[in-house]
Amino acid sequence: MSWYQPEPAVSLALIDLLGVAKGAPVIDIGGGASLLLDRLLARCYKDLTVLDVMRAEFDLE
């Protein structure tokens, strides 16, 4: 399922609730235009990865 939030409040709240350490690896799967990693960087998280698959269409003619 995919969704977009202008502010990733739910994801940040869950990360806080789980007590994810700032040195723990965090991956944002399907990150797209998400600002989650930006917000985590602002909170001094270091080991961040975003995984996103984009469908690309090419005109080869």
PDB file of N, CA and C in Angstrom:
ATOM      1  N   MET A   1       0.849  -1.165   0.000  1.00  0.00           N
ATOM      2  CA  MET A   1       0.000   0.000   0.000  1.00  0.00           C
ATOM      3  C   MET A   1       0.897   1.231   0.000  1.00  0.00           C
ATOM      4  N   SER A   2       0.488   2.236  -0.700  1.00  0.00           N
ATOM      5  CA  SER A   2       1.279   3.451  -0.801  1.00  0.00           C
ATOM      6  C   SER A   2       0.460   4.650  -0.318  1.00  0.00           C
ATOM      7  N   TRP A   3       1.139   5.583   0.323  1.00  0.00           N
ATOM      8  CA  TRP A   3       0.492   6.820   0.716  1.00  0.00           C
ATOM      9  C   TRP A   3       1.556   7.903   0.822  1.00  0.00           C
ATOM     10  N   TYR A   4       1.114   9.128   0.826  1.00  0.00           N
ATOM     11  CA  TYR A   4       2.029  10.259   0.964  1.00  0.00           C
ATOM     12  C   TYR A   4       1.514  11.159   2.072  1.00  0.00           C
ATOM     13  N   GLN A   5       2.416  11.583   2.930  1.00  0.00           N
ATOM     14  CA  GLN A   5       2.084  12.567   3.960  1.00  0.00           C
ATOM     15  C   GLN A   5       3.042  13.730   3.792  1.00  0.00           C
ATOM     16  N   PRO A   6       2.541  14.963   3.750  1.00  0.00           N
ATOM     17  CA  PRO A   6       3.442  16.109   3.663  1.00  0.00           C
ATOM     18  C   PRO A   6       4.429  16.133   4.838  1.00  0.00           C
ATOM     19  N   GLU A   7       3.985  15.686   5.983  1.00  0.00           N
ATOM     20  CA  GLU A   7       4.845  15.572   7.170  1.00  0.00           C
ATOM     21  C   GLU A   7       4.711  14.138   7.672  1.00  0.00           C
ATOM     22  N   PRO A   8       5.821  13.382   7.779  1.00  0.00           N
ATOM     23  CA  PRO A   8       5.739  11.965   8.150  1.00  0.00           C
ATOM     24  C   PRO A   8       5.520  11.751   9.648  1.00  0.00           C
ATOM     25  N   ALA A   9       4.473  12.348  10.176  1.00  0.00           N
ATOM     26  CA  ALA A   9       4.218  12.340  11.620  1.00  0.00           C
ATOM     27  C   ALA A   9       4.007  10.935  12.172  1.00  0.00           C
ATOM     28  N   VAL A  10       3.255  10.096  11.475  1.00  0.00           N
ATOM     29  CA  VAL A  10       2.979   8.745  11.972  1.00  0.00           C
ATOM     30  C   VAL A  10       4.274   7.941  12.029  1.00  0.00           C
ATOM     31  N   SER A  11       5.071   7.986  10.969  1.00  0.00           N
ATOM     32  CA  SER A  11       6.335   7.231  10.946  1.00  0.00           C
ATOM     33  C   SER A  11       7.278   7.711  12.042  1.00  0.00           C
ATOM     34  N   LEU A  12       7.372   9.012  12.227  1.00  0.00           N
ATOM     35  CA  LEU A  12       8.249   9.555  13.271  1.00  0.00           C
ATOM     36  C   LEU A  12       7.762   9.156  14.663  1.00  0.00           C
ATOM     37  N   ALA A  13       6.452   9.167  14.851  1.00  0.00           N
ATOM     38  CA  ALA A  13       5.891   8.762  16.145  1.00  0.00           C
ATOM     39  C   ALA A  13       6.193   7.292  16.426  1.00  0.00           C
ATOM     40  N   LEU A  14       6.095   6.441  15.409  1.00  0.00           N
ATOM     41  CA  LEU A  14       6.396   5.021  15.588  1.00  0.00           C
ATOM     42  C   LEU A  14       7.877   4.808  15.893  1.00  0.00           C
ATOM     43  N   ILE A  15       8.741   5.537  15.229  1.00  0.00           N
ATOM     44  CA  ILE A  15      10.178   5.439  15.493  1.00  0.00           C
ATOM     45  C   ILE A  15      10.468   5.860  16.929  1.00  0.00           C
ATOM     46  N   ASP A  16       9.824   6.924  17.376  1.00  0.00           N
ATOM     47  CA  ASP A  16       9.983   7.373  18.765  1.00  0.00           C
ATOM     48  C   ASP A  16       9.454   6.326  19.748  1.00  0.00           C
ATOM     49  N   LEU A  17       8.277   5.788  19.460  1.00  0.00           N
ATOM     50  CA  LEU A  17       7.653   4.797  20.335  1.00  0.00           C
ATOM     51  C   LEU A  17       8.517   3.551  20.481  1.00  0.00           C
ATOM     52  N   LEU A  18       9.150   3.145  19.385  1.00  0.00           N
ATOM     53  CA  LEU A  18      10.001   1.960  19.409  1.00  0.00           C
ATOM     54  C   LEU A  18      11.375   2.230  20.003  1.00  0.00           C
ATOM     55  N   GLY A  19      11.720   3.492  20.184  1.00  0.00           N
ATOM     56  CA  GLY A  19      13.009   3.837  20.764  1.00  0.00           C
ATOM     57  C   GLY A  19      14.183   3.501  19.852  1.00  0.00           C
ATOM     58  N   VAL A  20      14.003   3.695  18.558  1.00  0.00           N
ATOM     59  CA  VAL A  20      15.062   3.385  17.602  1.00  0.00           C
ATOM     60  C   VAL A  20      16.276   4.275  17.880  1.00  0.00           C
ATOM     61  N   ALA A  21      17.415   3.638  18.090  1.00  0.00           N
ATOM     62  CA  ALA A  21      18.652   4.373  18.395  1.00  0.00           C
ATOM     63  C   ALA A  21      19.119   5.165  17.179  1.00  0.00           C
ATOM     64  N   LYS A  22      19.764   6.290  17.429  1.00  0.00           N
ATOM     65  CA  LYS A  22      20.218   7.157  16.337  1.00  0.00           C
ATOM     66  C   LYS A  22      21.281   6.501  15.467  1.00  0.00           C
ATOM     67  N   GLY A  23      21.949   5.455  15.980  1.00  0.00           N
ATOM     68  CA  GLY A  23      22.950   4.740  15.200  1.00  0.00           C
ATOM     69  C   GLY A  23      22.411   3.497  14.519  1.00  0.00           C
ATOM     70  N   ALA A  24      21.142   3.197  14.735  1.00  0.00           N
ATOM     71  CA  ALA A  24      20.543   1.998  14.145  1.00  0.00           C
ATOM     72  C   ALA A  24      20.279   2.217  12.656  1.00  0.00           C
ATOM     73  N   PRO A  25      20.426   1.157  11.854  1.00  0.00           N
ATOM     74  CA  PRO A  25      20.098   1.296  10.429  1.00  0.00           C
ATOM     75  C   PRO A  25      18.586   1.442  10.242  1.00  0.00           C
ATOM     76  N   VAL A  26      18.207   2.399   9.418  1.00  0.00           N
ATOM     77  CA  VAL A  26      16.797   2.647   9.115  1.00  0.00           C
ATOM     78  C   VAL A  26      16.654   2.660   7.606  1.00  0.00           C
ATOM     79  N   ILE A  27      15.674   1.927   7.089  1.00  0.00           N
ATOM     80  CA  ILE A  27      15.407   1.928   5.653  1.00  0.00           C
ATOM     81  C   ILE A  27      13.978   2.392   5.414  1.00  0.00           C
ATOM     82  N   ASP A  28      13.819   3.317   4.504  1.00  0.00           N
ATOM     83  CA  ASP A  28      12.504   3.813   4.093  1.00  0.00           C
ATOM     84  C   ASP A  28      12.195   3.148   2.764  1.00  0.00           C
ATOM     85  N   ILE A  29      11.336   2.134   2.801  1.00  0.00           N
ATOM     86  CA  ILE A  29      11.001   1.386   1.597  1.00  0.00           C
ATOM     87  C   ILE A  29       9.855   2.080   0.879  1.00  0.00           C
ATOM     88  N   GLY A  30      10.078   2.369  -0.390  1.00  0.00           N
ATOM     89  CA  GLY A  30       9.082   3.093  -1.169  1.00  0.00           C
ATOM     90  C   GLY A  30       9.088   4.568  -0.820  1.00  0.00           C
ATOM     91  N   GLY A  31      10.262   5.104  -0.514  1.00  0.00           N
ATOM     92  CA  GLY A  31      10.405   6.473  -0.024  1.00  0.00           C
ATOM     93  C   GLY A  31       9.869   7.541  -0.954  1.00  0.00           C
ATOM     94  N   GLY A  32      10.092   7.398  -2.239  1.00  0.00           N
ATOM     95  CA  GLY A  32       9.570   8.373  -3.201  1.00  0.00           C
ATOM     96  C   GLY A  32       9.845   9.806  -2.786  1.00  0.00           C
ATOM     97  N   ALA A  33       8.793  10.590  -2.664  1.00  0.00           N
ATOM     98  CA  ALA A  33       8.905  12.006  -2.305  1.00  0.00           C
ATOM     99  C   ALA A  33       8.845  12.235  -0.796  1.00  0.00           C
ATOM    100  N   SER A  34       8.922  11.158  -0.024  1.00  0.00           N
ATOM    101  CA  SER A  34       8.811  11.255   1.427  1.00  0.00           C
ATOM    102  C   SER A  34       9.899  12.150   2.035  1.00  0.00           C
ATOM    103  N   LEU A  35       9.543  12.815   3.098  1.00  0.00           N
ATOM    104  CA  LEU A  35      10.485  13.644   3.847  1.00  0.00           C
ATOM    105  C   LEU A  35      10.977  12.946   5.111  1.00  0.00           C
ATOM    106  N   LEU A  36      10.685  11.651   5.242  1.00  0.00           N
ATOM    107  CA  LEU A  36      11.065  10.929   6.451  1.00  0.00           C
ATOM    108  C   LEU A  36      12.572  10.985   6.688  1.00  0.00           C
ATOM    109  N   LEU A  37      13.369  10.672   5.685  1.00  0.00           N
ATOM    110  CA  LEU A  37      14.821  10.676   5.882  1.00  0.00           C
ATOM    111  C   LEU A  37      15.340  12.075   6.183  1.00  0.00           C
ATOM    112  N   ASP A  38      14.747  13.090   5.575  1.00  0.00           N
ATOM    113  CA  ASP A  38      15.135  14.471   5.897  1.00  0.00           C
ATOM    114  C   ASP A  38      14.903  14.769   7.371  1.00  0.00           C
ATOM    115  N   ARG A  39      13.739  14.328   7.871  1.00  0.00           N
ATOM    116  CA  ARG A  39      13.414  14.576   9.277  1.00  0.00           C
ATOM    117  C   ARG A  39      14.338  13.784  10.208  1.00  0.00           C
ATOM    118  N   LEU A  40      14.681  12.546   9.802  1.00  0.00           N
ATOM    119  CA  LEU A  40      15.584  11.740  10.619  1.00  0.00           C
ATOM    120  C   LEU A  40      16.995  12.329  10.604  1.00  0.00           C
ATOM    121  N   LEU A  41      17.447  12.838   9.480  1.00  0.00           N
ATOM    122  CA  LEU A  41      18.746  13.515   9.428  1.00  0.00           C
ATOM    123  C   LEU A  41      18.763  14.710  10.371  1.00  0.00           C
ATOM    124  N   ALA A  42      17.668  15.461  10.397  1.00  0.00           N
ATOM    125  CA  ALA A  42      17.572  16.617  11.293  1.00  0.00           C
ATOM    126  C   ALA A  42      17.624  16.185  12.761  1.00  0.00           C
ATOM    127  N   ARG A  43      17.226  14.933  13.027  1.00  0.00           N
ATOM    128  CA  ARG A  43      17.278  14.391  14.394  1.00  0.00           C
ATOM    129  C   ARG A  43      18.595  13.664  14.673  1.00  0.00           C
ATOM    130  N   CYS A  44      19.547  13.772  13.750  1.00  0.00           N
ATOM    131  CA  CYS A  44      20.898  13.196  13.891  1.00  0.00           C
ATOM    132  C   CYS A  44      20.972  11.681  13.717  1.00  0.00           C
ATOM    133  N   TYR A  45      20.009  11.080  13.024  1.00  0.00           N
ATOM    134  CA  TYR A  45      20.146   9.682  12.647  1.00  0.00           C
ATOM    135  C   TYR A  45      21.178   9.612  11.534  1.00  0.00           C
ATOM    136  N   LYS A  46      21.986   8.543  11.521  1.00  0.00           N
ATOM    137  CA  LYS A  46      23.125   8.481  10.602  1.00  0.00           C
ATOM    138  C   LYS A  46      23.033   7.387   9.550  1.00  0.00           C
ATOM    139  N   ASP A  47      22.542   6.206   9.904  1.00  0.00           N
ATOM    140  CA  ASP A  47      22.575   5.045   9.012  1.00  0.00           C
ATOM    141  C   ASP A  47      21.235   4.908   8.296  1.00  0.00           C
ATOM    142  N   LEU A  48      21.020   5.757   7.279  1.00  0.00           N
ATOM    143  CA  LEU A  48      19.724   5.846   6.612  1.00  0.00           C
ATOM    144  C   LEU A  48      19.819   5.385   5.164  1.00  0.00           C
ATOM    145  N   THR A  49      18.806   4.658   4.731  1.00  0.00           N
ATOM    146  CA  THR A  49      18.729   4.176   3.355  1.00  0.00           C
ATOM    147  C   THR A  49      17.309   4.378   2.860  1.00  0.00           C
ATOM    148  N   VAL A  50      17.181   4.752   1.596  1.00  0.00           N
ATOM    149  CA  VAL A  50      15.860   4.811   0.965  1.00  0.00           C
ATOM    150  C   VAL A  50      15.871   3.851  -0.217  1.00  0.00           C
ATOM    151  N   LEU A  51      14.813   3.066  -0.336  1.00  0.00           N
ATOM    152  CA  LEU A  51      14.656   2.119  -1.429  1.00  0.00           C
ATOM    153  C   LEU A  51      13.370   2.478  -2.149  1.00  0.00           C
ATOM    154  N   ASP A  52      13.504   2.782  -3.424  1.00  0.00           N
ATOM    155  CA  ASP A  52      12.325   3.152  -4.182  1.00  0.00           C
ATOM    156  C   ASP A  52      12.464   2.597  -5.589  1.00  0.00           C
ATOM    157  N   VAL A  53      11.406   2.057  -6.116  1.00  0.00           N
ATOM    158  CA  VAL A  53      11.397   1.537  -7.471  1.00  0.00           C
ATOM    159  C   VAL A  53      10.511   2.455  -8.301  1.00  0.00           C
ATOM    160  N   MET A  54      11.079   2.950  -9.369  1.00  0.00           N
ATOM    161  CA  MET A  54      10.338   3.843 -10.232  1.00  0.00           C
ATOM    162  C   MET A  54      10.125   3.159 -11.573  1.00  0.00           C
ATOM    163  N   ARG A  55       8.952   3.223 -12.085  1.00  0.00           N
ATOM    164  CA  ARG A  55       8.688   2.691 -13.404  1.00  0.00           C
ATOM    165  C   ARG A  55       9.119   3.748 -14.422  1.00  0.00           C
ATOM    166  N   ALA A  56      10.065   3.395 -15.234  1.00  0.00           N
ATOM    167  CA  ALA A  56      10.555   4.323 -16.241  1.00  0.00           C
ATOM    168  C   ALA A  56      10.060   3.884 -17.611  1.00  0.00           C
ATOM    169  N   GLU A  57       9.620   4.836 -18.381  1.00  0.00           N
ATOM    170  CA  GLU A  57       9.186   4.553 -19.742  1.00  0.00           C
ATOM    171  C   GLU A  57      10.136   5.266 -20.692  1.00  0.00           C
ATOM    172  N   PHE A  58      10.622   4.517 -21.662  1.00  0.00           N
ATOM    173  CA  PHE A  58      11.569   5.067 -22.612  1.00  0.00           C
ATOM    174  C   PHE A  58      10.986   4.997 -24.014  1.00  0.00           C
ATOM    175  N   ASP A  59      11.170   6.034 -24.765  1.00  0.00           N
ATOM    176  CA  ASP A  59      10.777   6.065 -26.169  1.00  0.00           C
ATOM    177  C   ASP A  59      12.029   5.764 -26.975  1.00  0.00           C
ATOM    178  N   LEU A  60      12.145   4.534 -27.468  1.00  0.00           N
ATOM    179  CA  LEU A  60      13.345   4.116 -28.171  1.00  0.00           C
ATOM    180  C   LEU A  60      13.249   4.330 -29.681  1.00  0.00           C
ATOM    181  N   GLU A  61      12.191   4.939 -30.136  1.00  0.00           N
ATOM    182  CA  GLU A  61      12.048   5.178 -31.583  1.00  0.00           C
ATOM    183  C   GLU A  61      12.747   6.439 -31.997  1.00  0.00           C
TER     184      GLU A  61
END
